Amino acid sequence: MSSRTCPDWPELMELDPKLQFKHYSVLEAKLPAEALIRVTQESLSGGWLCADLEHHVFNSCHTDPVVAKALRASDWSDVHEWANRKRPRRDD
């Protein structure tokens, strides 16, 4: 576990144990262009996100709201949406 590891990792592991969430600045995360064009200058230079960069999943609870909105408009997923898609549906 590194200093970047999200402090909520135990709860996030319950949603999907394959995901590894860490905290990054917007610039170091190298987000897709379709998300970056929606990010304000303030969020670009000082924004942050909590994400699994490999799987393109972010934790909106620990992500700058402007960045989270921009990521939702791209191919990235919020971890809770990701977990709901991964769960098998039950016919009630």
N, C-alpha and C. Protein backbone atom coordinates (compact mmCIF):
# COMPACT_ATOMS: atom_id res chain seq x y z
N MET A 1 0.85 -1.17 0.00
CA MET A 1 0.00 0.00 0.00
C MET A 1 0.90 1.24 0.00
N SER A 2 0.58 2.18 -0.89
CA SER A 2 1.38 3.40 -0.98
C SER A 2 0.64 4.57 -0.36
N SER A 3 1.33 5.71 -0.25
CA SER A 3 0.70 6.89 0.33
C SER A 3 -0.42 7.42 -0.56
N ARG A 4 -0.45 7.04 -1.83
CA ARG A 4 -1.50 7.44 -2.75
C ARG A 4 -2.77 6.60 -2.60
N THR A 5 -2.65 5.47 -1.96
CA THR A 5 -3.80 4.56 -1.85
C THR A 5 -4.95 5.26 -1.15
N CYS A 6 -6.14 5.12 -1.71
CA CYS A 6 -7.32 5.74 -1.14
C CYS A 6 -7.58 5.19 0.27
N PRO A 7 -7.86 6.06 1.23
CA PRO A 7 -8.13 5.57 2.59
C PRO A 7 -9.40 4.72 2.68
N ASP A 8 -10.26 4.81 1.68
CA ASP A 8 -11.49 4.00 1.65
C ASP A 8 -11.29 2.66 0.95
N TRP A 9 -10.04 2.24 0.75
CA TRP A 9 -9.78 1.02 -0.02
C TRP A 9 -10.51 -0.21 0.49
N PRO A 10 -10.70 -0.41 1.79
CA PRO A 10 -11.43 -1.63 2.19
C PRO A 10 -12.86 -1.68 1.64
N GLU A 11 -13.56 -0.54 1.69
CA GLU A 11 -14.93 -0.49 1.16
C GLU A 11 -14.93 -0.63 -0.36
N LEU A 12 -13.97 -0.01 -1.01
CA LEU A 12 -13.89 -0.09 -2.47
C LEU A 12 -13.55 -1.50 -2.94
N MET A 13 -12.75 -2.21 -2.18
CA MET A 13 -12.42 -3.60 -2.52
C MET A 13 -13.66 -4.49 -2.48
N GLU A 14 -14.61 -4.15 -1.63
CA GLU A 14 -15.85 -4.93 -1.56
C GLU A 14 -16.66 -4.76 -2.85
N LEU A 15 -16.56 -3.62 -3.50
CA LEU A 15 -17.28 -3.39 -4.75
C LEU A 15 -16.66 -4.17 -5.90
N ASP A 16 -15.34 -4.20 -5.96
CA ASP A 16 -14.63 -4.98 -6.98
C ASP A 16 -13.18 -5.12 -6.53
N PRO A 17 -12.78 -6.30 -6.10
CA PRO A 17 -11.42 -6.48 -5.58
C PRO A 17 -10.31 -6.31 -6.61
N LYS A 18 -10.65 -6.29 -7.89
CA LYS A 18 -9.62 -6.11 -8.93
C LYS A 18 -9.20 -4.65 -9.09
N LEU A 19 -10.02 -3.75 -8.60
CA LEU A 19 -9.73 -2.32 -8.75
C LEU A 19 -8.81 -1.83 -7.64
N GLN A 20 -7.87 -0.97 -7.99
CA GLN A 20 -6.92 -0.40 -7.04
C GLN A 20 -7.01 1.12 -7.13
N PHE A 21 -7.63 1.75 -6.15
CA PHE A 21 -7.85 3.20 -6.19
C PHE A 21 -6.71 3.95 -5.52
N LYS A 22 -6.22 4.95 -6.24
CA LYS A 22 -5.17 5.83 -5.72
C LYS A 22 -5.55 7.26 -6.05
N HIS A 23 -4.94 8.20 -5.34
CA HIS A 23 -5.21 9.62 -5.54
C HIS A 23 -4.16 10.22 -6.48
N TYR A 24 -4.63 11.00 -7.45
CA TYR A 24 -3.78 11.61 -8.46
C TYR A 24 -4.19 13.06 -8.69
N SER A 25 -3.26 13.86 -9.17
CA SER A 25 -3.63 15.18 -9.67
C SER A 25 -4.19 14.97 -11.07
N VAL A 26 -4.98 15.91 -11.56
CA VAL A 26 -5.55 15.80 -12.90
C VAL A 26 -4.44 15.69 -13.94
N LEU A 27 -3.41 16.48 -13.80
CA LEU A 27 -2.33 16.47 -14.79
C LEU A 27 -1.58 15.14 -14.84
N GLU A 28 -1.30 14.55 -13.68
CA GLU A 28 -0.54 13.31 -13.71
C GLU A 28 -1.37 12.10 -14.12
N ALA A 29 -2.68 12.20 -14.04
CA ALA A 29 -3.54 11.07 -14.41
C ALA A 29 -3.63 10.87 -15.92
N LYS A 30 -3.28 11.89 -16.70
CA LYS A 30 -3.31 11.81 -18.16
C LYS A 30 -4.69 11.34 -18.65
N LEU A 31 -5.68 12.13 -18.31
CA LEU A 31 -7.07 11.83 -18.66
C LEU A 31 -7.30 11.98 -20.16
N PRO A 32 -8.36 11.35 -20.66
CA PRO A 32 -8.64 11.46 -22.10
C PRO A 32 -9.03 12.88 -22.50
N ALA A 33 -8.77 13.21 -23.74
CA ALA A 33 -9.05 14.55 -24.25
C ALA A 33 -10.50 14.94 -24.08
N GLU A 34 -11.43 14.00 -24.29
CA GLU A 34 -12.85 14.33 -24.17
C GLU A 34 -13.22 14.73 -22.74
N ALA A 35 -12.47 14.32 -21.76
CA ALA A 35 -12.70 14.77 -20.38
C ALA A 35 -11.96 16.09 -20.12
N LEU A 36 -10.74 16.20 -20.58
CA LEU A 36 -9.94 17.40 -20.31
C LEU A 36 -10.57 18.66 -20.89
N ILE A 37 -11.24 18.56 -22.02
CA ILE A 37 -11.84 19.77 -22.59
C ILE A 37 -13.00 20.28 -21.75
N ARG A 38 -13.51 19.46 -20.84
CA ARG A 38 -14.62 19.86 -19.98
C ARG A 38 -14.16 20.32 -18.59
N VAL A 39 -12.86 20.29 -18.35
CA VAL A 39 -12.31 20.65 -17.05
C VAL A 39 -11.90 22.11 -17.05
N THR A 40 -12.25 22.83 -16.00
CA THR A 40 -11.87 24.24 -15.88
C THR A 40 -10.37 24.37 -15.63
N GLN A 41 -9.85 25.56 -15.87
CA GLN A 41 -8.42 25.80 -15.63
C GLN A 41 -8.06 25.54 -14.17
N GLU A 42 -8.95 25.92 -13.25
CA GLU A 42 -8.68 25.71 -11.82
C GLU A 42 -8.58 24.21 -11.50
N SER A 43 -9.48 23.42 -12.06
CA SER A 43 -9.45 21.98 -11.80
C SER A 43 -8.30 21.31 -12.54
N LEU A 44 -7.94 21.86 -13.69
CA LEU A 44 -6.82 21.29 -14.43
C LEU A 44 -5.52 21.45 -13.65
N SER A 45 -5.31 22.62 -13.07
CA SER A 45 -4.05 22.86 -12.36
C SER A 45 -4.08 22.39 -10.91
N GLY A 46 -5.25 22.38 -10.27
CA GLY A 46 -5.28 22.00 -8.86
C GLY A 46 -6.26 20.89 -8.53
N GLY A 47 -6.86 20.31 -9.56
CA GLY A 47 -7.86 19.26 -9.34
C GLY A 47 -7.23 17.93 -8.98
N TRP A 48 -8.05 17.05 -8.47
CA TRP A 48 -7.59 15.75 -8.01
C TRP A 48 -8.65 14.71 -8.33
N LEU A 49 -8.22 13.48 -8.36
CA LEU A 49 -9.16 12.40 -8.53
C LEU A 49 -8.67 11.15 -7.82
N CYS A 50 -9.62 10.31 -7.50
CA CYS A 50 -9.36 9.01 -6.90
C CYS A 50 -9.79 8.01 -7.95
N ALA A 51 -8.85 7.20 -8.44
CA ALA A 51 -9.19 6.36 -9.58
C ALA A 51 -8.31 5.12 -9.69
N ASP A 52 -8.83 4.18 -10.45
CA ASP A 52 -8.05 3.07 -10.97
C ASP A 52 -7.80 3.44 -12.43
N LEU A 53 -6.61 3.92 -12.73
CA LEU A 53 -6.31 4.43 -14.06
C LEU A 53 -6.36 3.34 -15.13
N GLU A 54 -5.98 2.14 -14.77
CA GLU A 54 -5.96 1.04 -15.74
C GLU A 54 -7.36 0.68 -16.23
N HIS A 55 -8.33 0.69 -15.32
CA HIS A 55 -9.69 0.29 -15.66
C HIS A 55 -10.62 1.46 -15.98
N HIS A 56 -10.12 2.69 -15.87
CA HIS A 56 -10.91 3.90 -16.15
C HIS A 56 -12.14 4.00 -15.26
N VAL A 57 -11.90 3.79 -13.97
CA VAL A 57 -12.96 3.87 -12.97
C VAL A 57 -12.52 4.87 -11.91
N PHE A 58 -13.44 5.76 -11.50
CA PHE A 58 -13.10 6.75 -10.50
C PHE A 58 -14.09 6.69 -9.34
N ASN A 59 -13.64 7.20 -8.20
CA ASN A 59 -14.46 7.27 -7.00
C ASN A 59 -14.91 8.73 -6.86
N SER A 60 -16.17 8.99 -7.15
CA SER A 60 -16.66 10.37 -7.15
C SER A 60 -16.61 11.01 -5.76
N CYS A 61 -16.62 10.21 -4.71
CA CYS A 61 -16.55 10.76 -3.35
C CYS A 61 -15.22 11.45 -3.08
N HIS A 62 -14.16 11.04 -3.76
CA HIS A 62 -12.83 11.61 -3.55
C HIS A 62 -12.30 12.28 -4.80
N THR A 63 -13.20 12.72 -5.68
CA THR A 63 -12.79 13.35 -6.92
C THR A 63 -13.39 14.75 -7.00
N ASP A 64 -12.59 15.70 -7.47
CA ASP A 64 -13.05 17.06 -7.70
C ASP A 64 -14.36 16.98 -8.49
N PRO A 65 -15.42 17.65 -8.05
CA PRO A 65 -16.72 17.54 -8.73
C PRO A 65 -16.68 17.92 -10.21
N VAL A 66 -15.88 18.90 -10.58
CA VAL A 66 -15.76 19.29 -11.99
C VAL A 66 -15.12 18.15 -12.78
N VAL A 67 -14.11 17.53 -12.20
CA VAL A 67 -13.42 16.41 -12.86
C VAL A 67 -14.36 15.22 -12.97
N ALA A 68 -15.11 14.92 -11.93
CA ALA A 68 -16.05 13.80 -11.95
C ALA A 68 -17.08 13.99 -13.06
N LYS A 69 -17.60 15.19 -13.20
CA LYS A 69 -18.59 15.48 -14.25
C LYS A 69 -17.97 15.27 -15.63
N ALA A 70 -16.74 15.72 -15.80
CA ALA A 70 -16.04 15.55 -17.07
C ALA A 70 -15.78 14.08 -17.37
N LEU A 71 -15.42 13.31 -16.35
CA LEU A 71 -15.16 11.89 -16.57
C LEU A 71 -16.43 11.14 -16.93
N ARG A 72 -17.56 11.53 -16.36
CA ARG A 72 -18.83 10.88 -16.69
C ARG A 72 -19.19 11.08 -18.17
N ALA A 73 -18.71 12.15 -18.76
CA ALA A 73 -18.97 12.43 -20.18
C ALA A 73 -17.99 11.71 -21.10
N SER A 74 -17.10 10.93 -20.53
CA SER A 74 -16.12 10.17 -21.31
C SER A 74 -16.43 8.68 -21.15
N ASP A 75 -15.48 7.84 -21.47
CA ASP A 75 -15.68 6.41 -21.32
C ASP A 75 -15.36 5.90 -19.91
N TRP A 76 -15.09 6.80 -18.96
CA TRP A 76 -14.81 6.41 -17.59
C TRP A 76 -16.12 6.15 -16.84
N SER A 77 -16.03 5.37 -15.76
CA SER A 77 -17.21 5.05 -14.95
C SER A 77 -16.96 5.38 -13.49
N ASP A 78 -18.01 5.81 -12.82
CA ASP A 78 -17.97 5.96 -11.37
C ASP A 78 -17.96 4.55 -10.78
N VAL A 79 -17.25 4.35 -9.70
CA VAL A 79 -17.11 3.01 -9.13
C VAL A 79 -18.46 2.38 -8.77
N HIS A 80 -19.41 3.18 -8.35
CA HIS A 80 -20.71 2.62 -7.98
C HIS A 80 -21.49 2.17 -9.21
N GLU A 81 -21.39 2.91 -10.31
CA GLU A 81 -21.99 2.48 -11.57
C GLU A 81 -21.31 1.20 -12.06
N TRP A 82 -20.00 1.17 -11.95
CA TRP A 82 -19.21 0.01 -12.36
C TRP A 82 -19.65 -1.23 -11.58
N ALA A 83 -19.78 -1.09 -10.27
CA ALA A 83 -20.17 -2.22 -9.43
C ALA A 83 -21.58 -2.70 -9.77
N ASN A 84 -22.49 -1.79 -10.04
CA ASN A 84 -23.85 -2.18 -10.40
C ASN A 84 -23.90 -2.93 -11.72
N ARG A 85 -23.07 -2.56 -12.66
CA ARG A 85 -23.01 -3.27 -13.95
C ARG A 85 -22.43 -4.67 -13.79
N LYS A 86 -21.52 -4.83 -12.83
CA LYS A 86 -20.83 -6.11 -12.63
C LYS A 86 -21.70 -7.12 -11.86
N ARG A 87 -22.67 -6.62 -11.10
CA ARG A 87 -23.52 -7.51 -10.30
C ARG A 87 -24.54 -8.20 -11.19
N PRO A 88 -24.74 -9.49 -10.97
CA PRO A 88 -25.78 -10.17 -11.75
C PRO A 88 -27.17 -9.67 -11.36
N ARG A 89 -28.03 -9.55 -12.32
CA ARG A 89 -29.39 -9.10 -12.06
C ARG A 89 -30.23 -10.27 -11.55
N ARG A 90 -31.11 -9.94 -10.64
CA ARG A 90 -32.05 -10.94 -10.11
C ARG A 90 -33.42 -10.62 -10.65
N ASP A 91 -34.09 -11.62 -11.12
CA ASP A 91 -35.47 -11.43 -11.57
C ASP A 91 -36.39 -11.58 -10.39
N ASP A 92 -37.04 -10.49 -9.99
CA ASP A 92 -37.95 -10.53 -8.83
C ASP A 92 -39.38 -10.56 -9.27
